[in-house]
PDB file of N, CA and C in Angstrom:
ATOM      1  N   MET A   1      13.312  82.463 116.198  1.00  0.00           N
ATOM      2  CA  MET A   1      13.059  83.838 115.828  1.00  0.00           C
ATOM      3  C   MET A   1      11.703  83.963 115.126  1.00  0.00           C
ATOM      4  N   LYS A   2      11.346  82.956 114.318  1.00  0.00           N
ATOM      5  CA  LYS A   2      10.063  83.008 113.614  1.00  0.00           C
ATOM      6  C   LYS A   2       8.906  83.078 114.606  1.00  0.00           C
ATOM      7  N   ARG A   3       9.006  82.314 115.698  1.00  0.00           N
ATOM      8  CA  ARG A   3       7.938  82.347 116.710  1.00  0.00           C
ATOM      9  C   ARG A   3       7.813  83.734 117.334  1.00  0.00           C
ATOM     10  N   GLU A   4       8.960  84.354 117.605  1.00  0.00           N
ATOM     11  CA  GLU A   4       8.940  85.693 118.190  1.00  0.00           C
ATOM     12  C   GLU A   4       8.293  86.684 117.234  1.00  0.00           C
ATOM     13  N   LEU A   5       8.632  86.567 115.955  1.00  0.00           N
ATOM     14  CA  LEU A   5       8.044  87.453 114.954  1.00  0.00           C
ATOM     15  C   LEU A   5       6.544  87.204 114.834  1.00  0.00           C
ATOM     16  N   ASP A   6       6.160  85.926 114.794  1.00  0.00           N
ATOM     17  CA  ASP A   6       4.733  85.595 114.723  1.00  0.00           C
ATOM     18  C   ASP A   6       3.977  86.168 115.919  1.00  0.00           C
ATOM     19  N   SER A   7       4.569  86.026 117.096  1.00  0.00           N
ATOM     20  CA  SER A   7       3.943  86.546 118.311  1.00  0.00           C
ATOM     21  C   SER A   7       3.808  88.066 118.248  1.00  0.00           C
ATOM     22  N   LEU A   8       4.849  88.722 117.765  1.00  0.00           N
ATOM     23  CA  LEU A   8       4.820  90.179 117.644  1.00  0.00           C
ATOM     24  C   LEU A   8       3.734  90.627 116.667  1.00  0.00           C
ATOM     25  N   VAL A   9       3.629  89.935 115.540  1.00  0.00           N
ATOM     26  CA  VAL A   9       2.609  90.275 114.542  1.00  0.00           C
ATOM     27  C   VAL A   9       1.216  90.119 115.147  1.00  0.00           C
ATOM     28  N   ILE A  10       0.994  89.040 115.865  1.00  0.00           N
ATOM     29  CA  ILE A  10      -0.310  88.806 116.495  1.00  0.00           C
ATOM     30  C   ILE A  10      -0.617  89.909 117.510  1.00  0.00           C
ATOM     31  N   GLN A  11       0.370  90.273 118.316  1.00  0.00           N
ATOM     32  CA  GLN A  11       0.178  91.334 119.310  1.00  0.00           C
ATOM     33  C   GLN A  11      -0.152  92.666 118.643  1.00  0.00           C
ATOM     34  N   MET A  12       0.588  92.991 117.584  1.00  0.00           N
ATOM     35  CA  MET A  12       0.355  94.262 116.894  1.00  0.00           C
ATOM     36  C   MET A  12      -1.028  94.275 116.243  1.00  0.00           C
ATOM     37  N   TYR A  13      -1.379  93.170 115.611  1.00  0.00           N
ATOM     38  CA  TYR A  13      -2.687  93.084 114.956  1.00  0.00           C
ATOM     39  C   TYR A  13      -3.803  93.193 115.996  1.00  0.00           C
ATOM     40  N   SER A  14      -3.647  92.471 117.110  1.00  0.00           N
ATOM     41  CA  SER A  14      -4.653  92.504 118.181  1.00  0.00           C
ATOM     42  C   SER A  14      -4.786  93.894 118.791  1.00  0.00           C
ATOM     43  N   ALA A  15      -3.691  94.637 118.804  1.00  0.00           N
ATOM     44  CA  ALA A  15      -3.705  95.986 119.373  1.00  0.00           C
ATOM     45  C   ALA A  15      -4.246  97.014 118.383  1.00  0.00           C
ATOM     46  N   GLY A  16      -4.549  96.574 117.162  1.00  0.00           N
ATOM     47  CA  GLY A  16      -5.121  97.479 116.177  1.00  0.00           C
ATOM     48  C   GLY A  16      -4.098  98.303 115.414  1.00  0.00           C
ATOM     49  N   VAL A  17      -2.844  97.865 115.431  1.00  0.00           N
ATOM     50  CA  VAL A  17      -1.806  98.579 114.685  1.00  0.00           C
ATOM     51  C   VAL A  17      -2.030  98.325 113.201  1.00  0.00           C
ATOM     52  N   SER A  18      -2.095  99.402 112.424  1.00  0.00           N
ATOM     53  CA  SER A  18      -2.322  99.247 110.981  1.00  0.00           C
ATOM     54  C   SER A  18      -1.083  98.665 110.311  1.00  0.00           C
ATOM     55  N   TYR A  19      -1.290  98.098 109.134  1.00  0.00           N
ATOM     56  CA  TYR A  19      -0.191  97.507 108.373  1.00  0.00           C
ATOM     57  C   TYR A  19       0.893  98.542 108.108  1.00  0.00           C
ATOM     58  N   SER A  20       0.491  99.733 107.675  1.00  0.00           N
ATOM     59  CA  SER A  20       1.486 100.765 107.348  1.00  0.00           C
ATOM     60  C   SER A  20       2.275 101.192 108.588  1.00  0.00           C
ATOM     61  N   ASP A  21       1.606 101.285 109.732  1.00  0.00           N
ATOM     62  CA  ASP A  21       2.317 101.629 110.969  1.00  0.00           C
ATOM     63  C   ASP A  21       3.263 100.507 111.398  1.00  0.00           C
ATOM     64  N   ALA A  22       2.834  99.266 111.222  1.00  0.00           N
ATOM     65  CA  ALA A  22       3.683  98.125 111.580  1.00  0.00           C
ATOM     66  C   ALA A  22       4.939  98.104 110.713  1.00  0.00           C
ATOM     67  N   VAL A  23       4.770  98.322 109.416  1.00  0.00           N
ATOM     68  CA  VAL A  23       5.914  98.345 108.498  1.00  0.00           C
ATOM     69  C   VAL A  23       6.836  99.499 108.862  1.00  0.00           C
ATOM     70  N   ARG A  24       6.255 100.645 109.148  1.00  0.00           N
ATOM     71  CA  ARG A  24       7.046 101.829 109.513  1.00  0.00           C
ATOM     72  C   ARG A  24       7.854 101.567 110.790  1.00  0.00           C
ATOM     73  N   GLN A  25       7.217 100.980 111.790  1.00  0.00           N
ATOM     74  CA  GLN A  25       7.914 100.679 113.042  1.00  0.00           C
ATOM     75  C   GLN A  25       9.038  99.675 112.818  1.00  0.00           C
ATOM     76  N   PHE A  26       8.772  98.667 111.993  1.00  0.00           N
ATOM     77  CA  PHE A  26       9.806  97.673 111.697  1.00  0.00           C
ATOM     78  C   PHE A  26      10.993  98.328 110.997  1.00  0.00           C
ATOM     79  N   LYS A  27      10.711  99.144 109.978  1.00  0.00           N
ATOM     80  CA  LYS A  27      11.789  99.825 109.249  1.00  0.00           C
ATOM     81  C   LYS A  27      12.619 100.690 110.184  1.00  0.00           C
ATOM     82  N   ARG A  28      11.940 101.471 111.015  1.00  0.00           N
ATOM     83  CA  ARG A  28      12.657 102.353 111.952  1.00  0.00           C
ATOM     84  C   ARG A  28      13.588 101.545 112.852  1.00  0.00           C
ATOM     85  N   ARG A  29      13.070 100.491 113.437  1.00  0.00           N
ATOM     86  CA  ARG A  29      13.862  99.689 114.387  1.00  0.00           C
ATOM     87  C   ARG A  29      15.013  98.979 113.689  1.00  0.00           C
ATOM     88  N   TYR A  30      14.750  98.438 112.509  1.00  0.00           N
ATOM     89  CA  TYR A  30      15.778  97.694 111.775  1.00  0.00           C
ATOM     90  C   TYR A  30      16.897  98.635 111.335  1.00  0.00           C
ATOM     91  N   ILE A  31      16.528  99.762 110.759  1.00  0.00           N
ATOM     92  CA  ILE A  31      17.524 100.734 110.297  1.00  0.00           C
ATOM     93  C   ILE A  31      18.297 101.298 111.482  1.00  0.00           C
ATOM     94  N   LEU A  32      17.612 101.562 112.578  1.00  0.00           N
ATOM     95  CA  LEU A  32      18.275 102.060 113.781  1.00  0.00           C
ATOM     96  C   LEU A  32      19.348 101.079 114.252  1.00  0.00           C
ATOM     97  N   GLU A  33      19.040  99.806 114.237  1.00  0.00           N
ATOM     98  CA  GLU A  33      20.000  98.784 114.666  1.00  0.00           C
ATOM     99  C   GLU A  33      21.219  98.748 113.746  1.00  0.00           C
ATOM    100  N   VAL A  34      20.981  98.792 112.436  1.00  0.00           N
ATOM    101  CA  VAL A  34      22.100  98.765 111.484  1.00  0.00           C
ATOM    102  C   VAL A  34      22.956 100.017 111.643  1.00  0.00           C
ATOM    103  N   LEU A  35      22.324 101.170 111.782  1.00  0.00           N
ATOM    104  CA  LEU A  35      23.082 102.409 111.990  1.00  0.00           C
ATOM    105  C   LEU A  35      23.891 102.351 113.290  1.00  0.00           C
ATOM    106  N   ALA A  36      23.305 101.813 114.328  1.00  0.00           N
ATOM    107  CA  ALA A  36      24.016 101.709 115.604  1.00  0.00           C
ATOM    108  C   ALA A  36      25.239 100.808 115.463  1.00  0.00           C
ATOM    109  N   GLN A  37      25.096  99.719 114.718  1.00  0.00           N
ATOM    110  CA  GLN A  37      26.223  98.810 114.508  1.00  0.00           C
ATOM    111  C   GLN A  37      27.368  99.492 113.769  1.00  0.00           C
ATOM    112  N   HIS A  38      27.015 100.472 112.945  1.00  0.00           N
ATOM    113  CA  HIS A  38      28.024 101.202 112.167  1.00  0.00           C
ATOM    114  C   HIS A  38      28.283 102.592 112.745  1.00  0.00           C
ATOM    115  N   LYS A  39      27.897 102.789 114.008  1.00  0.00           N
ATOM    116  CA  LYS A  39      28.133 104.041 114.738  1.00  0.00           C
ATOM    117  C   LYS A  39      27.637 105.262 113.980  1.00  0.00           C
ATOM    118  N   GLY A  40      26.484 105.104 113.340  1.00  0.00           N
ATOM    119  CA  GLY A  40      25.855 106.222 112.639  1.00  0.00           C
ATOM    120  C   GLY A  40      26.390 106.476 111.246  1.00  0.00           C
ATOM    121  N   ASN A  41      27.328 105.662 110.782  1.00  0.00           N
ATOM    122  CA  ASN A  41      27.905 105.847 109.453  1.00  0.00           C
ATOM    123  C   ASN A  41      26.887 105.404 108.402  1.00  0.00           C
ATOM    124  N   GLN A  42      26.309 106.383 107.699  1.00  0.00           N
ATOM    125  CA  GLN A  42      25.254 106.084 106.731  1.00  0.00           C
ATOM    126  C   GLN A  42      25.772 105.312 105.526  1.00  0.00           C
ATOM    127  N   CYS A  43      26.998 105.584 105.099  1.00  0.00           N
ATOM    128  CA  CYS A  43      27.548 104.870 103.936  1.00  0.00           C
ATOM    129  C   CYS A  43      27.647 103.377 104.219  1.00  0.00           C
ATOM    130  N   LYS A  44      28.207 103.027 105.372  1.00  0.00           N
ATOM    131  CA  LYS A  44      28.362 101.616 105.732  1.00  0.00           C
ATOM    132  C   LYS A  44      27.006 100.963 105.989  1.00  0.00           C
ATOM    133  N   ALA A  45      26.115 101.691 106.645  1.00  0.00           N
ATOM    134  CA  ALA A  45      24.785 101.150 106.927  1.00  0.00           C
ATOM    135  C   ALA A  45      24.023 100.906 105.629  1.00  0.00           C
ATOM    136  N   ALA A  46      24.088 101.864 104.710  1.00  0.00           N
ATOM    137  CA  ALA A  46      23.387 101.719 103.431  1.00  0.00           C
ATOM    138  C   ALA A  46      23.912 100.512 102.669  1.00  0.00           C
ATOM    139  N   GLU A  47      25.227 100.322 102.695  1.00  0.00           N
ATOM    140  CA  GLU A  47      25.816  99.172 102.006  1.00  0.00           C
ATOM    141  C   GLU A  47      25.282  97.872 102.591  1.00  0.00           C
ATOM    142  N   GLU A  48      25.246  97.782 103.918  1.00  0.00           N
ATOM    143  CA  GLU A  48      24.729  96.571 104.553  1.00  0.00           C
ATOM    144  C   GLU A  48      23.242  96.366 104.254  1.00  0.00           C
ATOM    145  N   LEU A  49      22.500  97.466 104.168  1.00  0.00           N
ATOM    146  CA  LEU A  49      21.066  97.378 103.883  1.00  0.00           C
ATOM    147  C   LEU A  49      20.779  97.118 102.411  1.00  0.00           C
ATOM    148  N   GLY A  50      21.815  97.210 101.570  1.00  0.00           N
ATOM    149  CA  GLY A  50      21.635  96.960 100.140  1.00  0.00           C
ATOM    150  C   GLY A  50      20.963  98.107  99.416  1.00  0.00           C
ATOM    151  N   MET A  51      21.237  99.327  99.880  1.00  0.00           N
ATOM    152  CA  MET A  51      20.651 100.491  99.219  1.00  0.00           C
ATOM    153  C   MET A  51      21.710 101.574  99.067  1.00  0.00           C
ATOM    154  N   HIS A  52      21.440 102.534  98.217  1.00  0.00           N
ATOM    155  CA  HIS A  52      22.346 103.664  98.028  1.00  0.00           C
ATOM    156  C   HIS A  52      22.250 104.579  99.239  1.00  0.00           C
ATOM    157  N   ARG A  53      23.335 105.271  99.541  1.00  0.00           N
ATOM    158  CA  ARG A  53      23.358 106.182 100.685  1.00  0.00           C
ATOM    159  C   ARG A  53      22.267 107.247 100.590  1.00  0.00           C
ATOM    160  N   ASN A  54      22.019 107.752  99.373  1.00  0.00           N
ATOM    161  CA  ASN A  54      20.968 108.763  99.200  1.00  0.00           C
ATOM    162  C   ASN A  54      19.585 108.185  99.504  1.00  0.00           C
ATOM    163  N   THR A  55      19.388 106.922  99.131  1.00  0.00           N
ATOM    164  CA  THR A  55      18.111 106.263  99.427  1.00  0.00           C
ATOM    165  C   THR A  55      17.943 106.120 100.936  1.00  0.00           C
ATOM    166  N   LEU A  56      19.015 105.750 101.623  1.00  0.00           N
ATOM    167  CA  LEU A  56      18.947 105.649 103.083  1.00  0.00           C
ATOM    168  C   LEU A  56      18.652 107.016 103.690  1.00  0.00           C
ATOM    169  N   SER A  57      19.298 108.036 103.180  1.00  0.00           N
ATOM    170  CA  SER A  57      19.075 109.391 103.687  1.00  0.00           C
ATOM    171  C   SER A  57      17.615 109.808 103.521  1.00  0.00           C
ATOM    172  N   ARG A  58      17.040 109.523 102.354  1.00  0.00           N
ATOM    173  CA  ARG A  58      15.620 109.841 102.116  1.00  0.00           C
ATOM    174  C   ARG A  58      14.717 109.006 103.022  1.00  0.00           C
ATOM    175  N   THR A  59      15.076 107.734 103.199  1.00  0.00           N
ATOM    176  CA  THR A  59      14.285 106.861 104.063  1.00  0.00           C
ATOM    177  C   THR A  59      14.308 107.373 105.498  1.00  0.00           C
ATOM    178  N   LEU A  60      15.476 107.806 105.956  1.00  0.00           N
ATOM    179  CA  LEU A  60      15.576 108.377 107.309  1.00  0.00           C
ATOM    180  C   LEU A  60      14.678 109.601 107.444  1.00  0.00           C
ATOM    181  N   ALA A  61      14.682 110.443 106.426  1.00  0.00           N
ATOM    182  CA  ALA A  61      13.829 111.641 106.452  1.00  0.00           C
ATOM    183  C   ALA A  61      12.355 111.245 106.458  1.00  0.00           C
ATOM    184  N   ASP A  62      11.982 110.270 105.615  1.00  0.00           N
ATOM    185  CA  ASP A  62      10.591 109.808 105.562  1.00  0.00           C
ATOM    186  C   ASP A  62      10.138 109.229 106.905  1.00  0.00           C
ATOM    187  N   LEU A  63      11.060 108.542 107.582  1.00  0.00           N
ATOM    188  CA  LEU A  63      10.738 107.921 108.866  1.00  0.00           C
ATOM    189  C   LEU A  63      10.963 108.872 110.043  1.00  0.00           C
ATOM    190  N   GLU A  64      11.311 110.122 109.714  1.00  0.00           N
ATOM    191  CA  GLU A  64      11.568 111.146 110.728  1.00  0.00           C
ATOM    192  C   GLU A  64      12.636 110.694 111.721  1.00  0.00           C
ATOM    193  N   MET A  65      13.713 110.139 111.173  1.00  0.00           N
ATOM    194  CA  MET A  65      14.844 109.683 111.977  1.00  0.00           C
ATOM    195  C   MET A  65      16.029 110.608 111.736  1.00  0.00           C
ATOM    196  N   ASP A  66      16.847 110.758 112.757  1.00  0.00           N
ATOM    197  CA  ASP A  66      18.033 111.606 112.656  1.00  0.00           C
ATOM    198  C   ASP A  66      19.252 110.778 113.047  1.00  0.00           C
ATOM    199  N   SER A  67      20.090 110.461 112.066  1.00  0.00           N
ATOM    200  CA  SER A  67      21.252 109.626 112.367  1.00  0.00           C
ATOM    201  C   SER A  67      22.248 110.340 113.264  1.00  0.00           C
ATOM    202  N   ALA A  68      22.146 111.655 113.370  1.00  0.00           N
ATOM    203  CA  ALA A  68      23.044 112.402 114.261  1.00  0.00           C
ATOM    204  C   ALA A  68      22.829 111.980 115.710  1.00  0.00           C
ATOM    205  N   GLN A  69      21.604 111.605 116.060  1.00  0.00           N
ATOM    206  CA  GLN A  69      21.324 111.158 117.421  1.00  0.00           C
ATOM    207  C   GLN A  69      22.078 109.872 117.733  1.00  0.00           C
ATOM    208  N   ILE A  70      22.265 109.039 116.724  1.00  0.00           N
ATOM    209  CA  ILE A  70      22.965 107.779 116.919  1.00  0.00           C
ATOM    210  C   ILE A  70      24.447 108.042 117.147  1.00  0.00           C
ATOM    211  N   ARG A  71      24.949 109.046 116.458  1.00  0.00           N
ATOM    212  CA  ARG A  71      26.371 109.370 116.581  1.00  0.00           C
ATOM    213  C   ARG A  71      26.684 110.128 117.862  1.00  0.00           C
ATOM    214  N   THR A  72      25.681 110.582 118.580  1.00  0.00           N
ATOM    215  CA  THR A  72      25.899 111.352 119.805  1.00  0.00           C
ATOM    216  C   THR A  72      26.761 110.546 120.774  1.00  0.00           C
ATOM    217  N   GLY A  73      27.791 111.179 121.254  1.00  0.00           N
ATOM    218  CA  GLY A  73      28.650 110.532 122.235  1.00  0.00           C
ATOM    219  C   GLY A  73      29.798 109.741 121.653  1.00  0.00           C
ATOM    220  N   ILE A  74      29.850 109.568 120.338  1.00  0.00           N
ATOM    221  CA  ILE A  74      30.954 108.809 119.768  1.00  0.00           C
ATOM    222  C   ILE A  74      31.898 109.686 118.966  1.00  0.00           C
ATOM    223  N   ARG A  75      31.559 110.940 118.819  1.00  0.00           N
ATOM    224  CA  ARG A  75      32.443 111.859 118.108  1.00  0.00           C
ATOM    225  C   ARG A  75      33.455 112.462 119.067  1.00  0.00           C
ATOM    226  N   ARG A  76      34.526 112.949 118.498  1.00  0.00           N
ATOM    227  CA  ARG A  76      35.507 113.658 119.308  1.00  0.00           C
ATOM    228  C   ARG A  76      34.868 114.935 119.830  1.00  0.00           C
ATOM    229  N   PRO A  77      35.294 115.394 120.995  1.00  0.00           N
ATOM    230  CA  PRO A  77      34.720 116.636 121.517  1.00  0.00           C
ATOM    231  C   PRO A  77      35.115 117.814 120.644  1.00  0.00           C
ATOM    232  N   PRO A  78      34.333 118.888 120.674  1.00  0.00           N
ATOM    233  CA  PRO A  78      34.679 120.079 119.895  1.00  0.00           C
ATOM    234  C   PRO A  78      36.045 120.613 120.317  1.00  0.00           C
ATOM    235  N   VAL A  79      36.655 121.368 119.436  1.00  0.00           N
ATOM    236  CA  VAL A  79      37.988 121.912 119.695  1.00  0.00           C
ATOM    237  C   VAL A  79      38.032 122.660 121.020  1.00  0.00           C
ATOM    238  N   SER A  80      36.980 123.384 121.334  1.00  0.00           N
ATOM    239  CA  SER A  80      36.961 124.172 122.567  1.00  0.00           C
ATOM    240  C   SER A  80      37.061 123.304 123.818  1.00  0.00           C
ATOM    241  N   GLU A  81      36.688 122.028 123.722  1.00  0.00           N
ATOM    242  CA  GLU A  81      36.726 121.140 124.880  1.00  0.00           C
ATOM    243  C   GLU A  81      38.002 120.310 124.938  1.00  0.00           C
ATOM    244  N   ARG A  82      38.788 120.319 123.860  1.00  0.00           N
ATOM    245  CA  ARG A  82      40.034 119.571 123.842  1.00  0.00           C
ATOM    246  C   ARG A  82      41.156 120.435 124.394  1.00  0.00           C
ATOM    247  N   PRO A  83      42.123 119.809 125.051  1.00  0.00           N
ATOM    248  CA  PRO A  83      43.249 120.603 125.532  1.00  0.00           C
ATOM    249  C   PRO A  83      44.059 121.127 124.354  1.00  0.00           C
ATOM    250  N   SER A  84      44.583 122.321 124.498  1.00  0.00           N
ATOM    251  CA  SER A  84      45.391 122.895 123.426  1.00  0.00           C
ATOM    252  C   SER A  84      46.752 122.215 123.405  1.00  0.00           C
ATOM    253  N   VAL A  85      47.419 122.304 122.277  1.00  0.00           N
ATOM    254  CA  VAL A  85      48.755 121.738 122.145  1.00  0.00           C
ATOM    255  C   VAL A  85      49.679 122.376 123.181  1.00  0.00           C
ATOM    256  N   GLN A  86      49.541 123.684 123.355  1.00  0.00           N
ATOM    257  CA  GLN A  86      50.391 124.395 124.315  1.00  0.00           C
ATOM    258  C   GLN A  86      50.198 123.855 125.727  1.00  0.00           C
ATOM    259  N   SER A  87      48.958 123.592 126.135  1.00  0.00           N
ATOM    260  CA  SER A  87      48.732 123.090 127.494  1.00  0.00           C
ATOM    261  C   SER A  87      49.295 121.680 127.657  1.00  0.00           C
ATOM    262  N   ILE A  88      49.239 120.878 126.601  1.00  0.00           N
ATOM    263  CA  ILE A  88      49.818 119.532 126.657  1.00  0.00           C
ATOM    264  C   ILE A  88      51.331 119.627 126.824  1.00  0.00           C
ATOM    265  N   VAL A  89      51.962 120.488 126.015  1.00  0.00           N
ATOM    266  CA  VAL A  89      53.416 120.671 126.099  1.00  0.00           C
ATOM    267  C   VAL A  89      53.800 121.177 127.482  1.00  0.00           C
ATOM    268  N   THR A  90      53.057 122.144 128.000  1.00  0.00           N
ATOM    269  CA  THR A  90      53.338 122.694 129.326  1.00  0.00           C
ATOM    270  C   THR A  90      53.239 121.608 130.389  1.00  0.00           C
ATOM    271  N   ASN A  91      52.194 120.797 130.332  1.00  0.00           N
ATOM    272  CA  ASN A  91      52.013 119.718 131.307  1.00  0.00           C
ATOM    273  C   ASN A  91      53.125 118.684 131.209  1.00  0.00           C
ATOM    274  N   LEU A  92      53.524 118.337 129.982  1.00  0.00           N
ATOM    275  CA  LEU A  92      54.611 117.376 129.804  1.00  0.00           C
ATOM    276  C   LEU A  92      55.918 117.930 130.351  1.00  0.00           C
ATOM    277  N   THR A  93      56.161 119.202 130.087  1.00  0.00           N
ATOM    278  CA  THR A  93      57.381 119.846 130.580  1.00  0.00           C
ATOM    279  C   THR A  93      57.385 119.866 132.103  1.00  0.00           C
ATOM    280  N   ARG A  94      56.269 120.204 132.689  1.00  0.00           N
ATOM    281  CA  ARG A  94      56.164 120.234 134.155  1.00  0.00           C
ATOM    282  C   ARG A  94      56.383 118.845 134.747  1.00  0.00           C
ATOM    283  N   SER A  95      55.806 117.817 134.107  1.00  0.00           N
ATOM    284  CA  SER A  95      55.977 116.456 134.617  1.00  0.00           C
ATOM    285  C   SER A  95      57.435 116.029 134.539  1.00  0.00           C
ATOM    286  N   ALA A  96      58.080 116.371 133.434  1.00  0.00           N
ATOM    287  CA  ALA A  96      59.473 115.968 133.237  1.00  0.00           C
ATOM    288  C   ALA A  96      60.402 116.663 134.225  1.00  0.00           C
ATOM    289  N   THR A  97      60.090 117.911 134.553  1.00  0.00           N
ATOM    290  CA  THR A  97      60.962 118.674 135.461  1.00  0.00           C
ATOM    291  C   THR A  97      60.519 118.569 136.909  1.00  0.00           C
ATOM    292  N   GLY A  98      59.351 118.013 137.129  1.00  0.00           N
ATOM    293  CA  GLY A  98      58.841 117.855 138.492  1.00  0.00           C
ATOM    294  C   GLY A  98      58.247 119.116 139.077  1.00  0.00           C
ATOM    295  N   THR A  99      57.941 120.102 138.235  1.00  0.00           N
ATOM    296  CA  THR A  99      57.324 121.341 138.724  1.00  0.00           C
ATOM    297  C   THR A  99      55.833 121.313 138.465  1.00  0.00           C
ATOM    298  N   ARG A 100      55.125 122.161 139.153  1.00  0.00           N
ATOM    299  CA  ARG A 100      53.668 122.244 138.966  1.00  0.00           C
ATOM    300  C   ARG A 100      53.276 123.600 138.557  1.00  0.00           C
TER     301      ARG A 100
END
């Protein structure tokens, strides 16, 4: 892993990436990975990163990151997209009686 990091640093330096941009890119990628591992849960991610949740929230804002994007697709669908209890009961009743 050290060789890969050394190679990356050399590539970034050769490409003219400033120190502050390199640090920013590293932070973004590292935090993104931790958030992804915790399915966007900032409390769990902050704990793993060794920082307070509010600090992580501020860091995300500073890095112009939105943890909601990470959670996309893993939340339950909105109520309007879920079947109603009545439709579930109706379908179960129809299945049990063999009617459609």
